[in-house]
PDB file of all heavy atoms in Angstrom:
ATOM      1  N   THR A   1      26.312 -10.897   2.274  1.00  0.00           N
ATOM      2  CA  THR A   1      25.915 -10.044   1.109  1.00  0.00           C
ATOM      3  C   THR A   1      25.613  -8.699   1.769  1.00  0.00           C
ATOM      4  O   THR A   1      25.752  -8.469   2.971  1.00  0.00           O
ATOM      5  CB  THR A   1      24.619 -10.600   0.520  1.00  0.00           C
ATOM      6  OG1 THR A   1      23.582 -10.330   1.408  1.00  0.00           O
ATOM      7  CG2 THR A   1      24.711 -12.049   0.083  1.00  0.00           C
ATOM      8  N   ASN A   2      25.192  -7.704   0.830  1.00  0.00           N
ATOM      9  CA  ASN A   2      24.884  -6.387   1.480  1.00  0.00           C
ATOM     10  C   ASN A   2      23.458  -6.260   2.012  1.00  0.00           C
ATOM     11  O   ASN A   2      23.003  -5.313   2.479  1.00  0.00           O
ATOM     12  CB  ASN A   2      25.021  -5.275   0.305  1.00  0.00           C
ATOM     13  CG  ASN A   2      24.122  -5.501  -0.839  1.00  0.00           C
ATOM     14  OD1 ASN A   2      23.283  -6.375  -0.928  1.00  0.00           O
ATOM     15  ND2 ASN A   2      24.375  -4.615  -1.818  1.00  0.00           N
ATOM     16  N   CYS A   3      22.749  -7.431   1.783  1.00  0.00           N
ATOM     17  CA  CYS A   3      21.301  -7.543   2.414  1.00  0.00           C
ATOM     18  C   CYS A   3      20.409  -6.468   1.812  1.00  0.00           C
ATOM     19  O   CYS A   3      19.561  -6.014   2.529  1.00  0.00           O
ATOM     20  CB  CYS A   3      21.396  -7.535   3.864  1.00  0.00           C
ATOM     21  SG  CYS A   3      22.354  -8.923   4.591  1.00  0.00           S
ATOM     22  N   LEU A   4      20.684  -6.118   0.615  1.00  0.00           N
ATOM     23  CA  LEU A   4      19.874  -4.990  -0.083  1.00  0.00           C
ATOM     24  C   LEU A   4      19.446  -5.537  -1.391  1.00  0.00           C
ATOM     25  O   LEU A   4      20.229  -5.995  -2.248  1.00  0.00           O
ATOM     26  CB  LEU A   4      20.749  -3.736  -0.146  1.00  0.00           C
ATOM     27  CG  LEU A   4      20.063  -2.470  -0.658  1.00  0.00           C
ATOM     28  CD1 LEU A   4      19.084  -1.910   0.392  1.00  0.00           C
ATOM     29  CD2 LEU A   4      21.161  -1.403  -0.934  1.00  0.00           C
ATOM     30  N   ASN A   5      18.139  -5.269  -1.680  1.00  0.00           N
ATOM     31  CA  ASN A   5      17.570  -5.769  -3.009  1.00  0.00           C
ATOM     32  C   ASN A   5      17.898  -7.151  -3.446  1.00  0.00           C
ATOM     33  O   ASN A   5      18.089  -7.421  -4.522  1.00  0.00           O
ATOM     34  CB  ASN A   5      18.124  -4.803  -4.104  1.00  0.00           C
ATOM     35  CG  ASN A   5      18.010  -3.351  -3.779  1.00  0.00           C
ATOM     36  OD1 ASN A   5      16.958  -2.850  -3.279  1.00  0.00           O
ATOM     37  ND2 ASN A   5      19.141  -2.567  -4.054  1.00  0.00           N
ATOM     38  N   LEU A   6      17.842  -8.047  -2.503  1.00  0.00           N
ATOM     39  CA  LEU A   6      18.121  -9.453  -2.677  1.00  0.00           C
ATOM     40  C   LEU A   6      17.012 -10.073  -3.635  1.00  0.00           C
ATOM     41  O   LEU A   6      15.830  -9.545  -3.566  1.00  0.00           O
ATOM     42  CB  LEU A   6      18.402 -10.213  -1.442  1.00  0.00           C
ATOM     43  CG  LEU A   6      19.514  -9.807  -0.656  1.00  0.00           C
ATOM     44  CD1 LEU A   6      19.803 -10.770   0.476  1.00  0.00           C
ATOM     45  CD2 LEU A   6      20.803  -9.729  -1.546  1.00  0.00           C
ATOM     46  N   ASP A   7      17.314 -11.099  -4.356  1.00  0.00           N
ATOM     47  CA  ASP A   7      16.284 -11.718  -5.199  1.00  0.00           C
ATOM     48  C   ASP A   7      15.001 -12.211  -4.433  1.00  0.00           C
ATOM     49  O   ASP A   7      13.868 -11.972  -4.917  1.00  0.00           O
ATOM     50  CB  ASP A   7      16.889 -12.908  -5.951  1.00  0.00           C
ATOM     51  CG  ASP A   7      17.909 -12.609  -6.916  1.00  0.00           C
ATOM     52  OD1 ASP A   7      18.079 -11.373  -7.365  1.00  0.00           O
ATOM     53  OD2 ASP A   7      18.754 -13.531  -7.329  1.00  0.00           O
ATOM     54  N   GLU A   8      15.231 -12.687  -3.215  1.00  0.00           N
ATOM     55  CA  GLU A   8      14.074 -13.072  -2.432  1.00  0.00           C
ATOM     56  C   GLU A   8      13.110 -11.804  -2.135  1.00  0.00           C
ATOM     57  O   GLU A   8      11.947 -12.056  -2.028  1.00  0.00           O
ATOM     58  CB  GLU A   8      14.542 -13.827  -1.169  1.00  0.00           C
ATOM     59  CG  GLU A   8      15.210 -15.078  -1.421  1.00  0.00           C
ATOM     60  CD  GLU A   8      16.745 -14.943  -1.609  1.00  0.00           C
ATOM     61  OE1 GLU A   8      17.188 -13.827  -1.988  1.00  0.00           O
ATOM     62  OE2 GLU A   8      17.419 -15.943  -1.679  1.00  0.00           O
ATOM     63  N   THR A   9      13.745 -10.702  -1.835  1.00  0.00           N
ATOM     64  CA  THR A   9      12.921  -9.467  -1.627  1.00  0.00           C
ATOM     65  C   THR A   9      12.029  -9.163  -2.872  1.00  0.00           C
ATOM     66  O   THR A   9      10.787  -8.911  -2.683  1.00  0.00           O
ATOM     67  CB  THR A   9      13.801  -8.384  -1.309  1.00  0.00           C
ATOM     68  OG1 THR A   9      14.463  -8.550  -0.088  1.00  0.00           O
ATOM     69  CG2 THR A   9      13.036  -7.021  -1.186  1.00  0.00           C
ATOM     70  N   HIS A  10      12.685  -9.178  -4.046  1.00  0.00           N
ATOM     71  CA  HIS A  10      11.863  -8.922  -5.198  1.00  0.00           C
ATOM     72  C   HIS A  10      10.724  -9.951  -5.389  1.00  0.00           C
ATOM     73  O   HIS A  10       9.644  -9.632  -5.849  1.00  0.00           O
ATOM     74  CB  HIS A  10      12.765  -8.989  -6.498  1.00  0.00           C
ATOM     75  CG  HIS A  10      13.571  -7.727  -6.635  1.00  0.00           C
ATOM     76  ND1 HIS A  10      13.019  -6.590  -7.153  1.00  0.00           N
ATOM     77  CD2 HIS A  10      14.902  -7.404  -6.407  1.00  0.00           C
ATOM     78  CE1 HIS A  10      13.968  -5.574  -7.141  1.00  0.00           C
ATOM     79  NE2 HIS A  10      15.113  -6.110  -6.678  1.00  0.00           N
ATOM     80  N   GLU A  11      11.129 -11.217  -5.078  1.00  0.00           N
ATOM     81  CA  GLU A  11      10.001 -12.204  -5.217  1.00  0.00           C
ATOM     82  C   GLU A  11       8.886 -12.042  -4.272  1.00  0.00           C
ATOM     83  O   GLU A  11       7.688 -12.338  -4.539  1.00  0.00           O
ATOM     84  CB  GLU A  11      10.610 -13.598  -5.078  1.00  0.00           C
ATOM     85  CG  GLU A  11       9.814 -14.747  -5.584  1.00  0.00           C
ATOM     86  CD  GLU A  11       9.638 -14.695  -7.108  1.00  0.00           C
ATOM     87  OE1 GLU A  11      10.639 -14.464  -7.893  1.00  0.00           O
ATOM     88  OE2 GLU A  11       8.486 -14.830  -7.691  1.00  0.00           O
ATOM     89  N   VAL A  12       9.268 -11.622  -3.083  1.00  0.00           N
ATOM     90  CA  VAL A  12       8.149 -11.234  -2.074  1.00  0.00           C
ATOM     91  C   VAL A  12       7.184 -10.223  -2.630  1.00  0.00           C
ATOM     92  O   VAL A  12       6.037 -10.195  -2.507  1.00  0.00           O
ATOM     93  CB  VAL A  12       8.743 -10.926  -0.728  1.00  0.00           C
ATOM     94  CG1 VAL A  12       7.595 -10.346   0.248  1.00  0.00           C
ATOM     95  CG2 VAL A  12       9.435 -12.094  -0.056  1.00  0.00           C
ATOM     96  N   VAL A  13       7.773  -9.198  -3.234  1.00  0.00           N
ATOM     97  CA  VAL A  13       6.965  -8.081  -3.772  1.00  0.00           C
ATOM     98  C   VAL A  13       6.082  -8.753  -4.950  1.00  0.00           C
ATOM     99  O   VAL A  13       4.956  -8.418  -5.029  1.00  0.00           O
ATOM    100  CB  VAL A  13       7.877  -6.985  -4.380  1.00  0.00           C
ATOM    101  CG1 VAL A  13       7.022  -5.894  -5.118  1.00  0.00           C
ATOM    102  CG2 VAL A  13       8.707  -6.333  -3.272  1.00  0.00           C
ATOM    103  N   ARG A  14       6.674  -9.562  -5.806  1.00  0.00           N
ATOM    104  CA  ARG A  14       5.846 -10.231  -6.873  1.00  0.00           C
ATOM    105  C   ARG A  14       4.724 -10.961  -6.253  1.00  0.00           C
ATOM    106  O   ARG A  14       3.539 -10.998  -6.767  1.00  0.00           O
ATOM    107  CB  ARG A  14       6.716 -11.077  -7.683  1.00  0.00           C
ATOM    108  CG  ARG A  14       7.824 -10.316  -8.507  1.00  0.00           C
ATOM    109  CD  ARG A  14       8.521 -11.292  -9.406  1.00  0.00           C
ATOM    110  NE  ARG A  14       9.794 -10.682  -9.897  1.00  0.00           N
ATOM    111  CZ  ARG A  14      11.002 -10.902  -9.453  1.00  0.00           C
ATOM    112  NH1 ARG A  14      11.226 -12.009  -8.684  1.00  0.00           N
ATOM    113  NH2 ARG A  14      12.002 -10.398  -9.986  1.00  0.00           N
ATOM    114  N   LEU A  15       5.023 -11.717  -5.176  1.00  0.00           N
ATOM    115  CA  LEU A  15       3.915 -12.491  -4.536  1.00  0.00           C
ATOM    116  C   LEU A  15       2.872 -11.551  -4.046  1.00  0.00           C
ATOM    117  O   LEU A  15       1.648 -11.893  -4.133  1.00  0.00           O
ATOM    118  CB  LEU A  15       4.493 -13.314  -3.366  1.00  0.00           C
ATOM    119  CG  LEU A  15       3.485 -14.065  -2.457  1.00  0.00           C
ATOM    120  CD1 LEU A  15       2.688 -15.079  -3.307  1.00  0.00           C
ATOM    121  CD2 LEU A  15       4.206 -14.656  -1.278  1.00  0.00           C
ATOM    122  N   ILE A  16       3.238 -10.523  -3.341  1.00  0.00           N
ATOM    123  CA  ILE A  16       2.163  -9.614  -2.786  1.00  0.00           C
ATOM    124  C   ILE A  16       1.413  -8.990  -3.893  1.00  0.00           C
ATOM    125  O   ILE A  16       0.113  -8.904  -3.763  1.00  0.00           O
ATOM    126  CB  ILE A  16       2.917  -8.527  -1.965  1.00  0.00           C
ATOM    127  CG1 ILE A  16       3.461  -9.099  -0.650  1.00  0.00           C
ATOM    128  CG2 ILE A  16       1.883  -7.401  -1.540  1.00  0.00           C
ATOM    129  CD1 ILE A  16       4.297  -8.203   0.172  1.00  0.00           C
ATOM    130  N   ARG A  17       1.963  -8.673  -5.024  1.00  0.00           N
ATOM    131  CA  ARG A  17       1.230  -8.162  -6.086  1.00  0.00           C
ATOM    132  C   ARG A  17       0.251  -9.147  -6.660  1.00  0.00           C
ATOM    133  O   ARG A  17      -0.930  -8.833  -6.898  1.00  0.00           O
ATOM    134  CB  ARG A  17       2.174  -7.593  -7.192  1.00  0.00           C
ATOM    135  CG  ARG A  17       1.355  -7.209  -8.512  1.00  0.00           C
ATOM    136  CD  ARG A  17       2.030  -6.237  -9.321  1.00  0.00           C
ATOM    137  NE  ARG A  17       1.281  -5.899 -10.550  1.00  0.00           N
ATOM    138  CZ  ARG A  17       1.480  -4.919 -11.439  1.00  0.00           C
ATOM    139  NH1 ARG A  17       2.528  -4.197 -11.130  1.00  0.00           N
ATOM    140  NH2 ARG A  17       0.770  -4.718 -12.426  1.00  0.00           N
ATOM    141  N   THR A  18       0.658 -10.402  -6.867  1.00  0.00           N
ATOM    142  CA  THR A  18      -0.165 -11.425  -7.323  1.00  0.00           C
ATOM    143  C   THR A  18      -1.444 -11.578  -6.449  1.00  0.00           C
ATOM    144  O   THR A  18      -2.604 -11.625  -6.826  1.00  0.00           O
ATOM    145  CB  THR A  18       0.525 -12.760  -7.450  1.00  0.00           C
ATOM    146  OG1 THR A  18       1.551 -12.636  -8.457  1.00  0.00           O
ATOM    147  CG2 THR A  18      -0.350 -13.962  -7.780  1.00  0.00           C
ATOM    148  N   LEU A  19      -1.227 -11.681  -5.125  1.00  0.00           N
ATOM    149  CA  LEU A  19      -2.254 -11.837  -4.127  1.00  0.00           C
ATOM    150  C   LEU A  19      -3.174 -10.525  -4.085  1.00  0.00           C
ATOM    151  O   LEU A  19      -4.505 -10.775  -4.089  1.00  0.00           O
ATOM    152  CB  LEU A  19      -1.714 -12.051  -2.784  1.00  0.00           C
ATOM    153  CG  LEU A  19      -0.836 -13.346  -2.545  1.00  0.00           C
ATOM    154  CD1 LEU A  19      -0.194 -13.335  -1.142  1.00  0.00           C
ATOM    155  CD2 LEU A  19      -1.739 -14.542  -2.744  1.00  0.00           C
ATOM    156  N   ILE A  20      -2.664  -9.374  -4.124  1.00  0.00           N
ATOM    157  CA  ILE A  20      -3.505  -8.206  -4.092  1.00  0.00           C
ATOM    158  C   ILE A  20      -4.382  -8.029  -5.292  1.00  0.00           C
ATOM    159  O   ILE A  20      -5.524  -7.768  -5.229  1.00  0.00           O
ATOM    160  CB  ILE A  20      -2.665  -6.923  -3.717  1.00  0.00           C
ATOM    161  CG1 ILE A  20      -2.245  -6.956  -2.238  1.00  0.00           C
ATOM    162  CG2 ILE A  20      -3.412  -5.723  -4.082  1.00  0.00           C
ATOM    163  CD1 ILE A  20      -1.341  -5.726  -1.919  1.00  0.00           C
ATOM    164  N   GLU A  21      -3.733  -8.165  -6.498  1.00  0.00           N
ATOM    165  CA  GLU A  21      -4.397  -7.789  -7.766  1.00  0.00           C
ATOM    166  C   GLU A  21      -5.530  -8.838  -8.050  1.00  0.00           C
ATOM    167  O   GLU A  21      -6.461  -8.601  -8.820  1.00  0.00           O
ATOM    168  CB  GLU A  21      -3.396  -7.692  -8.899  1.00  0.00           C
ATOM    169  CG  GLU A  21      -2.753  -8.867  -9.396  1.00  0.00           C
ATOM    170  CD  GLU A  21      -1.653  -8.584 -10.483  1.00  0.00           C
ATOM    171  OE1 GLU A  21      -1.527  -7.425 -10.786  1.00  0.00           O
ATOM    172  OE2 GLU A  21      -1.031  -9.540 -10.962  1.00  0.00           O
ATOM    173  N   HIS A  22      -5.312 -10.118  -7.550  1.00  0.00           N
ATOM    174  CA  HIS A  22      -6.483 -11.050  -7.725  1.00  0.00           C
ATOM    175  C   HIS A  22      -7.589 -10.960  -6.652  1.00  0.00           C
ATOM    176  O   HIS A  22      -8.500 -11.716  -6.698  1.00  0.00           O
ATOM    177  CB  HIS A  22      -5.812 -12.487  -7.765  1.00  0.00           C
ATOM    178  CG  HIS A  22      -5.160 -12.773  -9.135  1.00  0.00           C
ATOM    179  ND1 HIS A  22      -3.810 -12.416  -9.357  1.00  0.00           N
ATOM    180  CD2 HIS A  22      -5.516 -13.367 -10.182  1.00  0.00           C
ATOM    181  CE1 HIS A  22      -3.457 -12.704 -10.524  1.00  0.00           C
ATOM    182  NE2 HIS A  22      -4.455 -13.261 -11.150  1.00  0.00           N
ATOM    183  N   THR A  23      -7.271 -10.135  -5.650  1.00  0.00           N
ATOM    184  CA  THR A  23      -8.333 -10.035  -4.652  1.00  0.00           C
ATOM    185  C   THR A  23      -9.045  -8.569  -4.837  1.00  0.00           C
ATOM    186  O   THR A  23     -10.322  -8.636  -4.778  1.00  0.00           O
ATOM    187  CB  THR A  23      -7.628  -9.867  -3.279  1.00  0.00           C
ATOM    188  OG1 THR A  23      -6.859 -11.056  -3.038  1.00  0.00           O
ATOM    189  CG2 THR A  23      -8.624  -9.799  -2.114  1.00  0.00           C
ATOM    190  N   GLN A  24      -8.299  -7.606  -5.091  1.00  0.00           N
ATOM    191  CA  GLN A  24      -8.889  -6.244  -5.341  1.00  0.00           C
ATOM    192  C   GLN A  24      -8.045  -5.596  -6.456  1.00  0.00           C
ATOM    193  O   GLN A  24      -7.082  -4.948  -6.369  1.00  0.00           O
ATOM    194  CB  GLN A  24      -8.695  -5.429  -4.063  1.00  0.00           C
ATOM    195  CG  GLN A  24      -9.405  -4.044  -4.075  1.00  0.00           C
ATOM    196  CD  GLN A  24     -10.953  -4.186  -4.136  1.00  0.00           C
ATOM    197  OE1 GLN A  24     -11.483  -4.955  -3.283  1.00  0.00           O
ATOM    198  NE2 GLN A  24     -11.606  -3.368  -4.850  1.00  0.00           N
ATOM    199  N   PRO A  25      -8.538  -5.797  -7.735  1.00  0.00           N
ATOM    200  CA  PRO A  25      -7.747  -5.477  -8.896  1.00  0.00           C
ATOM    201  C   PRO A  25      -7.192  -4.027  -9.006  1.00  0.00           C
ATOM    202  O   PRO A  25      -6.157  -3.723  -9.525  1.00  0.00           O
ATOM    203  CB  PRO A  25      -8.596  -5.873 -10.095  1.00  0.00           C
ATOM    204  CG  PRO A  25      -9.437  -6.976  -9.532  1.00  0.00           C
ATOM    205  CD  PRO A  25      -9.750  -6.653  -8.093  1.00  0.00           C
ATOM    206  N   ASP A  26      -8.095  -3.053  -8.357  1.00  0.00           N
ATOM    207  CA  ASP A  26      -7.637  -1.712  -8.461  1.00  0.00           C
ATOM    208  C   ASP A  26      -6.794  -1.213  -7.382  1.00  0.00           C
ATOM    209  O   ASP A  26      -6.516  -0.095  -7.200  1.00  0.00           O
ATOM    210  CB  ASP A  26      -8.873  -0.744  -8.552  1.00  0.00           C
ATOM    211  CG  ASP A  26      -9.827  -0.992  -7.286  1.00  0.00           C
ATOM    212  OD1 ASP A  26      -9.548  -1.813  -6.503  1.00  0.00           O
ATOM    213  OD2 ASP A  26     -10.678  -0.118  -7.099  1.00  0.00           O
ATOM    214  N   SER A  27      -6.303  -2.238  -6.497  1.00  0.00           N
ATOM    215  CA  SER A  27      -5.336  -1.792  -5.469  1.00  0.00           C
ATOM    216  C   SER A  27      -3.968  -1.641  -6.057  1.00  0.00           C
ATOM    217  O   SER A  27      -3.576  -2.237  -7.082  1.00  0.00           O
ATOM    218  CB  SER A  27      -5.383  -2.866  -4.428  1.00  0.00           C
ATOM    219  OG  SER A  27      -6.633  -2.858  -3.670  1.00  0.00           O
ATOM    220  N   ILE A  28      -3.149  -0.801  -5.420  1.00  0.00           N
ATOM    221  CA  ILE A  28      -1.850  -0.455  -5.944  1.00  0.00           C
ATOM    222  C   ILE A  28      -0.828  -0.748  -4.921  1.00  0.00           C
ATOM    223  O   ILE A  28      -0.976  -0.463  -3.747  1.00  0.00           O
ATOM    224  CB  ILE A  28      -1.854   1.016  -6.415  1.00  0.00           C
ATOM    225  CG1 ILE A  28      -2.768   1.203  -7.595  1.00  0.00           C
ATOM    226  CG2 ILE A  28      -0.420   1.491  -6.735  1.00  0.00           C
ATOM    227  CD1 ILE A  28      -2.903   2.642  -8.034  1.00  0.00           C
ATOM    228  N   ILE A  29       0.351  -1.182  -5.320  1.00  0.00           N
ATOM    229  CA  ILE A  29       1.550  -1.391  -4.550  1.00  0.00           C
ATOM    230  C   ILE A  29       2.634  -0.267  -4.959  1.00  0.00           C
ATOM    231  O   ILE A  29       2.889  -0.088  -6.110  1.00  0.00           O
ATOM    232  CB  ILE A  29       2.228  -2.733  -4.699  1.00  0.00           C
ATOM    233  CG1 ILE A  29       1.319  -3.907  -4.135  1.00  0.00           C
ATOM    234  CG2 ILE A  29       3.611  -2.843  -3.990  1.00  0.00           C
ATOM    235  CD1 ILE A  29       1.738  -5.248  -4.529  1.00  0.00           C
ATOM    236  N   ILE A  30       3.126   0.392  -3.907  1.00  0.00           N
ATOM    237  CA  ILE A  30       4.184   1.415  -4.106  1.00  0.00           C
ATOM    238  C   ILE A  30       5.325   0.872  -3.196  1.00  0.00           C
ATOM    239  O   ILE A  30       5.232   0.647  -2.063  1.00  0.00           O
ATOM    240  CB  ILE A  30       3.736   2.803  -3.737  1.00  0.00           C
ATOM    241  CG1 ILE A  30       2.561   3.187  -4.599  1.00  0.00           C
ATOM    242  CG2 ILE A  30       4.905   3.819  -3.847  1.00  0.00           C
ATOM    243  CD1 ILE A  30       2.040   4.628  -4.222  1.00  0.00           C
ATOM    244  N   THR A  31       6.532   0.788  -3.828  1.00  0.00           N
ATOM    245  CA  THR A  31       7.695   0.427  -3.065  1.00  0.00           C
ATOM    246  C   THR A  31       8.486   1.591  -2.616  1.00  0.00           C
ATOM    247  O   THR A  31       8.783   2.580  -3.411  1.00  0.00           O
ATOM    248  CB  THR A  31       8.636  -0.563  -3.863  1.00  0.00           C
ATOM    249  OG1 THR A  31       8.805   0.002  -5.151  1.00  0.00           O
ATOM    250  CG2 THR A  31       8.008  -1.882  -3.953  1.00  0.00           C
ATOM    251  N   GLU A  32       8.802   1.627  -1.337  1.00  0.00           N
ATOM    252  CA  GLU A  32       9.586   2.732  -0.761  1.00  0.00           C
ATOM    253  C   GLU A  32      11.025   2.286  -0.618  1.00  0.00           C
ATOM    254  O   GLU A  32      11.426   1.588   0.261  1.00  0.00           O
ATOM    255  CB  GLU A  32       9.036   3.155   0.595  1.00  0.00           C
ATOM    256  CG  GLU A  32       9.635   4.435   1.210  1.00  0.00           C
ATOM    257  CD  GLU A  32      10.775   4.140   2.173  1.00  0.00           C
ATOM    258  OE1 GLU A  32      10.821   3.039   2.696  1.00  0.00           O
ATOM    259  OE2 GLU A  32      11.615   5.054   2.388  1.00  0.00           O
ATOM    260  N   THR A  33      11.804   2.650  -1.580  1.00  0.00           N
ATOM    261  CA  THR A  33      13.182   2.152  -1.748  1.00  0.00           C
ATOM    262  C   THR A  33      14.178   3.430  -1.913  1.00  0.00           C
ATOM    263  O   THR A  33      14.404   3.845  -3.114  1.00  0.00           O
ATOM    264  CB  THR A  33      13.401   1.199  -2.930  1.00  0.00           C
ATOM    265  OG1 THR A  33      12.746   1.689  -4.073  1.00  0.00           O
ATOM    266  CG2 THR A  33      12.727  -0.158  -2.532  1.00  0.00           C
ATOM    267  N   ASN A  34      14.572   4.026  -0.810  1.00  0.00           N
ATOM    268  CA  ASN A  34      15.358   5.199  -0.897  1.00  0.00           C
ATOM    269  C   ASN A  34      16.793   4.812  -1.160  1.00  0.00           C
ATOM    270  O   ASN A  34      17.683   4.882  -0.251  1.00  0.00           O
ATOM    271  CB  ASN A  34      15.141   5.913   0.494  1.00  0.00           C
ATOM    272  CG  ASN A  34      15.674   7.416   0.298  1.00  0.00           C
ATOM    273  OD1 ASN A  34      16.352   7.815  -0.615  1.00  0.00           O
ATOM    274  ND2 ASN A  34      15.520   8.107   1.421  1.00  0.00           N
ATOM    275  N   ILE A  35      17.099   4.434  -2.373  1.00  0.00           N
ATOM    276  CA  ILE A  35      18.376   3.911  -2.770  1.00  0.00           C
ATOM    277  C   ILE A  35      18.760   4.485  -4.197  1.00  0.00           C
ATOM    278  O   ILE A  35      17.920   5.182  -4.749  1.00  0.00           O
ATOM    279  CB  ILE A  35      18.301   2.319  -2.927  1.00  0.00           C
ATOM    280  CG1 ILE A  35      17.071   1.865  -3.736  1.00  0.00           C
ATOM    281  CG2 ILE A  35      18.203   1.750  -1.546  1.00  0.00           C
ATOM    282  CD1 ILE A  35      16.914   0.439  -3.871  1.00  0.00           C
ATOM    283  N   PRO A  36      20.012   4.291  -4.715  1.00  0.00           N
ATOM    284  CA  PRO A  36      20.363   4.796  -5.952  1.00  0.00           C
ATOM    285  C   PRO A  36      19.410   4.475  -7.052  1.00  0.00           C
ATOM    286  O   PRO A  36      18.715   3.463  -6.958  1.00  0.00           O
ATOM    287  CB  PRO A  36      21.718   4.210  -6.259  1.00  0.00           C
ATOM    288  CG  PRO A  36      22.256   4.086  -4.841  1.00  0.00           C
ATOM    289  CD  PRO A  36      21.122   3.697  -3.952  1.00  0.00           C
ATOM    290  N   ASN A  37      19.271   5.363  -8.056  1.00  0.00           N
ATOM    291  CA  ASN A  37      18.171   5.377  -9.066  1.00  0.00           C
ATOM    292  C   ASN A  37      17.981   4.034  -9.726  1.00  0.00           C
ATOM    293  O   ASN A  37      16.927   3.602  -9.833  1.00  0.00           O
ATOM    294  CB  ASN A  37      18.403   6.532 -10.069  1.00  0.00           C
ATOM    295  CG  ASN A  37      17.194   6.755 -10.929  1.00  0.00           C
ATOM    296  OD1 ASN A  37      16.127   6.934 -10.400  1.00  0.00           O
ATOM    297  ND2 ASN A  37      17.414   6.857 -12.191  1.00  0.00           N
ATOM    298  N   ILE A  38      19.027   3.408 -10.230  1.00  0.00           N
ATOM    299  CA  ILE A  38      18.956   2.224 -11.085  1.00  0.00           C
ATOM    300  C   ILE A  38      18.313   1.110 -10.167  1.00  0.00           C
ATOM    301  O   ILE A  38      17.469   0.320 -10.612  1.00  0.00           O
ATOM    302  CB  ILE A  38      20.317   1.855 -11.654  1.00  0.00           C
ATOM    303  CG1 ILE A  38      20.722   2.853 -12.658  1.00  0.00           C
ATOM    304  CG2 ILE A  38      20.291   0.385 -12.331  1.00  0.00           C
ATOM    305  CD1 ILE A  38      22.186   2.615 -13.241  1.00  0.00           C
ATOM    306  N   GLU A  39      18.774   0.958  -8.956  1.00  0.00           N
ATOM    307  CA  GLU A  39      18.298  -0.062  -8.020  1.00  0.00           C
ATOM    308  C   GLU A  39      16.752   0.182  -7.836  1.00  0.00           C
ATOM    309  O   GLU A  39      16.015  -0.669  -7.701  1.00  0.00           O
ATOM    310  CB  GLU A  39      19.054  -0.026  -6.740  1.00  0.00           C
ATOM    311  CG  GLU A  39      20.623  -0.376  -6.903  1.00  0.00           C
ATOM    312  CD  GLU A  39      21.347  -0.145  -5.669  1.00  0.00           C
ATOM    313  OE1 GLU A  39      20.773  -0.388  -4.634  1.00  0.00           O
ATOM    314  OE2 GLU A  39      22.513   0.264  -5.762  1.00  0.00           O
ATOM    315  N   ASN A  40      16.412   1.476  -7.661  1.00  0.00           N
ATOM    316  CA  ASN A  40      15.046   1.895  -7.448  1.00  0.00           C
ATOM    317  C   ASN A  40      14.123   1.436  -8.429  1.00  0.00           C
ATOM    318  O   ASN A  40      13.121   0.885  -8.312  1.00  0.00           O
ATOM    319  CB  ASN A  40      14.897   3.425  -7.191  1.00  0.00           C
ATOM    320  CG  ASN A  40      13.571   3.831  -6.729  1.00  0.00           C
ATOM    321  OD1 ASN A  40      12.874   3.252  -5.960  1.00  0.00           O
ATOM    322  ND2 ASN A  40      13.134   4.950  -7.297  1.00  0.00           N
TER     323      ASN A  40
END
């Protein structure tokens, strides 16, 4: 594959959000994805 934006990557982000927001609800995740707009 192109090893970019794979489903597993998105799921890891979802997991991190779940863990963070249930620990410190006002914490924020920002993804740094310097890629074409739609993928971003």
